[in-house]
């Protein structure tokens, strides 16, 4: 069996504060091979913090781990200069909200092309053509017109597709996708998921899909990690999600509306301290 692309052991993220530290990620361990791994849980469970910690994008936090390696490289000990070479080129993160991720005073095409020019060392003309092709690949109509727009001139869904194009253009080895399809309609969502699926299948990348959507990870991912209060409480194959054993995972499933189900109010998951204890085989 090949070595994992990403190997985490005992990852914790601590935010210092005036009234004490907050433990946002608590002793998380898992490996990621060239596969699609979903991470689900409620808002505040630590999913996005985990993704940003992998790229060391949390300067105010204290990140500790027994092991945090990417393709054999120790991410905790790498100097910042080396991390800058990894970010975008080999490790990309598709952020959730383009309003806060795209530079408001630069045209979107220039921002997409910048990823190509910096990481692939291509000419301005080649970067433009590659950017237009990628914008078209994420189903943006009339990419030449959109190329010259500013972020405030595009819709939320189009901004999300621009962000996806920017992160996928350098063809990274690991993509951390934080709710990448939340602002997209159903048709475009399926098209974007097909693009991500093709990258995993054809190029053998690793995909870390952070999502609230249990149906999405069930049908798209290979494995699923369930996070609660900063901890991974259950790990199982995506196809076995309906057979989850942890009470928190079962509560998330019970809170989903179902076609043909009864019309009684949906159950609201409880908050229990003992639910932080994992159950079943751990990643």
Protein backbone atom coordinates (compact mmCIF):
# COMPACT_ATOMS: atom_id res chain seq x y z
CA UNK A 1 0.00 0.00 0.00
CA UNK A 2 1.31 3.45 -0.90
CA UNK A 3 2.17 5.97 1.80
CA UNK A 4 -0.63 8.40 2.69
CA UNK A 5 -0.60 11.82 1.06
CA UNK A 6 -1.61 13.43 4.37
CA UNK A 7 -0.87 11.95 7.78
CA UNK A 8 -2.17 13.57 10.97
CA UNK A 9 -1.64 12.36 14.51
CA UNK A 10 -2.92 14.26 17.53
CA UNK A 11 -3.56 17.59 15.80
CA UNK A 12 -4.85 20.30 18.15
CA UNK A 13 -5.56 23.98 17.49
CA UNK A 14 -5.69 26.38 20.45
CA UNK A 15 -6.85 30.01 20.28
CA UNK A 16 -5.48 32.15 23.14
CA UNK A 17 -7.80 34.72 24.72
CA UNK A 18 -8.13 37.12 27.62
CA UNK A 19 -10.34 34.72 29.54
CA UNK A 20 -8.45 31.55 28.70
CA UNK A 21 -7.65 29.49 25.64
CA UNK A 22 -10.24 27.90 23.35
CA UNK A 23 -9.54 24.42 22.02
CA UNK A 24 -11.05 24.48 18.52
CA UNK A 25 -9.55 21.20 17.27
CA UNK A 26 -8.86 18.51 19.85
CA UNK A 27 -6.47 15.62 19.21
CA UNK A 28 -7.58 14.83 15.63
CA UNK A 29 -5.91 11.96 13.77
CA UNK A 30 -6.51 10.61 10.27
CA UNK A 31 -4.74 9.77 7.02
CA UNK A 32 -5.71 10.81 3.51
CA UNK A 33 -4.66 8.89 0.46
CA UNK A 34 -5.51 9.81 -3.12
CA UNK A 35 -9.21 9.60 -2.40
CA UNK A 36 -12.25 11.71 -1.47
CA UNK A 37 -12.59 12.14 2.29
CA UNK A 38 -15.58 14.01 3.69
CA UNK A 39 -15.61 15.85 7.03
CA UNK A 40 -19.06 16.70 8.37
CA UNK A 41 -20.44 18.27 11.51
CA UNK A 42 -22.35 21.30 12.70
CA UNK A 43 -21.02 24.86 12.51
CA UNK A 44 -18.39 25.34 15.19
CA UNK A 45 -17.28 21.71 15.24
CA UNK A 46 -13.79 22.62 13.98
CA UNK A 47 -14.00 21.55 10.32
CA UNK A 48 -12.81 24.78 8.68
CA UNK A 49 -10.23 25.39 11.41
CA UNK A 50 -8.80 21.96 10.66
CA UNK A 51 -8.50 22.78 6.95
CA UNK A 52 -6.78 26.10 7.61
CA UNK A 53 -4.42 24.52 10.13
CA UNK A 54 -3.16 22.12 7.47
CA UNK A 55 -2.09 25.11 5.37
CA UNK A 56 -0.83 27.01 8.44
CA UNK A 57 -3.20 29.88 7.78
CA UNK A 58 -3.95 30.54 11.46
CA UNK A 59 -1.23 32.94 12.66
CA UNK A 60 -3.06 33.72 15.92
CA UNK A 61 -3.54 30.07 16.87
CA UNK A 62 -1.19 27.54 18.45
CA UNK A 63 -1.03 24.39 16.33
CA UNK A 64 0.44 21.23 17.85
CA UNK A 65 0.61 17.64 16.62
CA UNK A 66 2.56 14.45 17.11
CA UNK A 67 2.72 14.24 13.32
CA UNK A 68 1.43 16.47 10.52
CA UNK A 69 2.99 15.46 7.22
CA UNK A 70 2.12 16.06 3.57
CA UNK A 71 3.79 13.73 1.06
CA UNK A 72 6.45 12.98 3.66
CA UNK A 73 7.14 16.65 4.52
CA UNK A 74 6.66 17.84 8.11
CA UNK A 75 4.23 20.75 7.80
CA UNK A 76 4.91 21.94 11.36
CA UNK A 77 8.65 22.39 10.87
CA UNK A 78 8.69 23.70 7.29
CA UNK A 79 9.84 27.33 7.08
CA UNK A 80 7.27 29.84 5.84
CA UNK A 81 9.11 30.24 2.52
CA UNK A 82 8.67 26.51 1.81
CA UNK A 83 5.01 26.68 2.86
CA UNK A 84 4.41 29.45 0.34
CA UNK A 85 5.66 27.12 -2.40
CA UNK A 86 3.27 24.40 -1.22
CA UNK A 87 0.19 26.60 -0.86
CA UNK A 88 -1.68 26.87 -4.13
CA UNK A 89 0.76 24.76 -6.12
CA UNK A 90 0.54 21.43 -4.30
CA UNK A 91 -2.04 22.17 -1.58
CA UNK A 92 -5.10 24.27 -2.43
CA UNK A 93 -8.08 25.36 -0.37
CA UNK A 94 -11.39 26.29 -1.95
CA UNK A 95 -12.84 28.75 0.56
CA UNK A 96 -16.53 28.94 1.32
CA UNK A 97 -17.37 32.60 0.76
CA UNK A 98 -15.87 34.36 -2.29
CA UNK A 99 -16.98 37.77 -0.93
CA UNK A 100 -14.18 37.55 1.62
CA UNK A 101 -11.69 35.58 -0.49
CA UNK A 102 -11.52 37.54 -3.76
CA UNK A 103 -9.70 40.87 -3.83
CA UNK A 104 -12.44 43.49 -4.33
CA UNK A 105 -10.21 45.95 -6.25
CA UNK A 106 -8.81 43.49 -8.81
CA UNK A 107 -10.58 41.98 -11.81
CA UNK A 108 -11.45 38.33 -11.27
CA UNK A 109 -9.57 37.20 -14.39
CA UNK A 110 -6.34 38.74 -13.16
CA UNK A 111 -6.75 36.90 -9.85
CA UNK A 112 -7.29 33.55 -11.56
CA UNK A 113 -4.37 34.15 -13.96
CA UNK A 114 -2.12 35.11 -11.04
CA UNK A 115 -2.36 31.56 -9.67
CA UNK A 116 -1.16 30.26 -13.05
CA UNK A 117 1.68 32.78 -13.45
CA UNK A 118 3.04 32.29 -9.92
CA UNK A 119 2.81 28.52 -9.66
CA UNK A 120 3.24 27.36 -13.27
CA UNK A 121 5.66 30.10 -14.38
CA UNK A 122 3.87 30.76 -17.65
CA UNK A 123 3.61 33.93 -19.74
CA UNK A 124 0.85 36.48 -19.30
CA UNK A 125 -0.82 35.37 -22.55
CA UNK A 126 -0.65 31.68 -21.64
CA UNK A 127 -2.00 32.39 -18.14
CA UNK A 128 -4.93 34.25 -19.68
CA UNK A 129 -5.80 31.38 -22.04
CA UNK A 130 -5.51 28.78 -19.28
CA UNK A 131 -7.67 30.91 -17.02
CA UNK A 132 -10.37 31.31 -19.67
CA UNK A 133 -10.37 27.55 -20.26
CA UNK A 134 -10.75 26.86 -16.54
CA UNK A 135 -13.55 29.43 -16.17
CA UNK A 136 -15.34 27.67 -18.99
CA UNK A 137 -14.70 24.29 -17.33
CA UNK A 138 -16.57 25.43 -14.20
CA UNK A 139 -19.56 26.34 -16.37
CA UNK A 140 -19.18 30.14 -16.49
CA UNK A 141 -21.04 31.46 -19.53
CA UNK A 142 -19.09 33.99 -21.61
CA UNK A 143 -15.80 33.65 -19.67
CA UNK A 144 -14.14 36.43 -21.71
CA UNK A 145 -16.67 38.93 -20.37
CA UNK A 146 -16.50 37.62 -16.80
CA UNK A 147 -12.68 37.73 -16.94
CA UNK A 148 -12.81 41.55 -16.85
CA UNK A 149 -15.42 41.91 -14.09
CA UNK A 150 -14.77 42.87 -10.48
CA UNK A 151 -15.93 40.56 -7.64
CA UNK A 152 -18.89 42.81 -6.74
CA UNK A 153 -20.19 42.46 -10.30
CA UNK A 154 -20.68 38.70 -10.13
CA UNK A 155 -23.27 36.65 -8.25
CA UNK A 156 -22.44 34.52 -5.22
CA UNK A 157 -22.65 31.33 -7.27
CA UNK A 158 -20.43 32.72 -10.01
CA UNK A 159 -17.94 33.96 -7.40
CA UNK A 160 -17.79 30.46 -5.97
CA UNK A 161 -17.04 29.00 -9.41
CA UNK A 162 -14.31 31.61 -9.93
CA UNK A 163 -12.76 30.58 -6.61
CA UNK A 164 -12.90 26.91 -7.62
CA UNK A 165 -11.27 27.71 -10.98
CA UNK A 166 -8.48 29.65 -9.23
CA UNK A 167 -7.68 26.81 -6.84
CA UNK A 168 -7.83 24.02 -9.44
CA UNK A 169 -5.84 25.78 -12.16
CA UNK A 170 -2.36 24.89 -10.78
CA UNK A 171 -3.46 21.21 -10.59
CA UNK A 172 -2.54 20.63 -6.91
CA UNK A 173 -2.00 17.24 -5.28
CA UNK A 174 -4.32 18.01 -2.35
CA UNK A 175 -7.52 20.06 -2.50
CA UNK A 176 -9.23 21.12 0.72
CA UNK A 177 -12.76 22.09 -0.31
CA UNK A 178 -14.65 24.04 2.36
CA UNK A 179 -18.33 23.93 1.34
CA UNK A 180 -17.30 24.36 -2.32
CA UNK A 181 -20.80 24.01 -3.76
CA UNK A 182 -22.91 25.73 -1.09
CA UNK A 183 -23.66 28.78 -3.30
CA UNK A 184 -24.34 26.82 -6.49
CA UNK A 185 -27.62 25.63 -7.95
CA UNK A 186 -28.19 21.90 -8.28
CA UNK A 187 -27.18 21.61 -11.95
CA UNK A 188 -23.92 23.55 -11.60
CA UNK A 189 -23.18 21.74 -8.32
CA UNK A 190 -23.21 18.40 -10.12
CA UNK A 191 -20.97 19.77 -12.88
CA UNK A 192 -18.42 21.08 -10.38
CA UNK A 193 -18.47 17.80 -8.45
CA UNK A 194 -17.78 15.98 -11.71
CA UNK A 195 -14.71 18.20 -12.24
CA UNK A 196 -13.44 17.39 -8.74
CA UNK A 197 -14.19 13.70 -9.22
CA UNK A 198 -12.26 13.67 -12.52
CA UNK A 199 -9.22 15.25 -10.84
CA UNK A 200 -9.24 12.56 -8.14
CA UNK A 201 -9.69 9.77 -10.67
CA UNK A 202 -7.41 10.93 -13.49
CA UNK A 203 -4.69 12.81 -11.60
CA UNK A 204 -4.83 10.87 -8.36
CA UNK A 205 -5.19 13.89 -6.09
CA UNK A 206 -6.43 13.80 -2.51
CA UNK A 207 -9.67 15.66 -1.80
CA UNK A 208 -10.74 16.77 1.68
CA UNK A 209 -14.41 17.78 1.41
CA UNK A 210 -15.70 19.87 4.33
CA UNK A 211 -19.48 20.01 4.30
CA UNK A 212 -22.73 20.18 6.24
CA UNK A 213 -24.45 18.18 3.51
CA UNK A 214 -24.69 14.54 4.57
CA UNK A 215 -26.29 13.55 1.27
CA UNK A 216 -23.42 15.11 -0.68
CA UNK A 217 -20.66 13.29 1.21
CA UNK A 218 -22.64 10.05 1.21
CA UNK A 219 -22.92 10.04 -2.58
CA UNK A 220 -19.63 11.71 -3.51
CA UNK A 221 -16.95 10.76 -0.97
CA UNK A 222 -15.17 7.48 -0.27
CA UNK A 223 -14.93 7.91 3.51
CA UNK A 224 -16.49 10.23 6.09
CA UNK A 225 -15.21 11.66 9.37
CA UNK A 226 -17.79 13.05 11.82
CA UNK A 227 -16.60 15.97 13.97
CA UNK A 228 -18.21 17.11 17.20
CA UNK A 229 -16.82 19.82 19.51
CA UNK A 230 -13.41 19.72 17.83
CA UNK A 231 -12.99 15.95 17.86
CA UNK A 232 -13.44 13.18 15.31
CA UNK A 233 -16.05 10.96 16.95
CA UNK A 234 -16.66 8.47 14.14
CA UNK A 235 -15.02 7.35 10.89
CA UNK A 236 -16.72 5.10 8.37
CA UNK A 237 -17.09 4.42 4.64
CA UNK A 238 -19.46 6.92 3.03
CA UNK A 239 -21.67 4.09 1.79
CA UNK A 240 -22.18 2.97 5.42
CA UNK A 241 -23.28 6.37 6.74
CA UNK A 242 -26.84 5.16 7.37
CA UNK A 243 -25.39 2.46 9.64
CA UNK A 244 -23.47 4.94 11.82
CA UNK A 245 -23.20 3.92 15.48
CA UNK A 246 -22.28 7.16 17.23
CA UNK A 247 -25.32 8.92 18.76
CA UNK A 248 -24.19 12.30 17.36
CA UNK A 249 -23.99 10.94 13.80
CA UNK A 250 -27.38 9.33 14.27
CA UNK A 251 -28.74 12.67 15.51
CA UNK A 252 -27.44 14.46 12.40
CA UNK A 253 -29.09 11.87 10.17
CA UNK A 254 -32.37 12.16 12.11
CA UNK A 255 -32.36 15.96 11.62
CA UNK A 256 -32.51 15.61 7.83
CA UNK A 257 -35.83 16.04 6.01
CA UNK A 258 -36.72 13.09 3.84
CA UNK A 259 -38.96 12.84 0.80
CA UNK A 260 -41.97 10.77 1.75
CA UNK A 261 -41.22 11.04 5.46
CA UNK A 262 -43.71 12.04 8.10
CA UNK A 263 -44.51 15.71 8.70
CA UNK A 264 -43.54 15.79 12.36
CA UNK A 265 -40.94 18.37 13.46
CA UNK A 266 -37.35 17.38 12.75
CA UNK A 267 -35.26 16.34 15.74
CA UNK A 268 -32.67 18.83 16.99
CA UNK A 269 -29.33 17.23 17.96
CA UNK A 270 -28.53 17.43 21.65
CA UNK A 271 -25.27 18.74 23.11
CA UNK A 272 -23.71 16.21 25.45
CA UNK A 273 -20.20 16.12 26.90
CA UNK A 274 -19.98 12.33 26.59
CA UNK A 275 -20.56 12.57 22.83
CA UNK A 276 -16.95 13.74 22.46
CA UNK A 277 -15.85 10.16 23.01
CA UNK A 278 -15.22 8.41 19.68
CA UNK A 279 -16.86 5.14 18.76
CA UNK A 280 -15.86 2.40 16.34
CA UNK A 281 -12.56 2.06 14.44
CA UNK A 282 -10.61 5.33 14.30
CA UNK A 283 -8.84 6.71 11.20
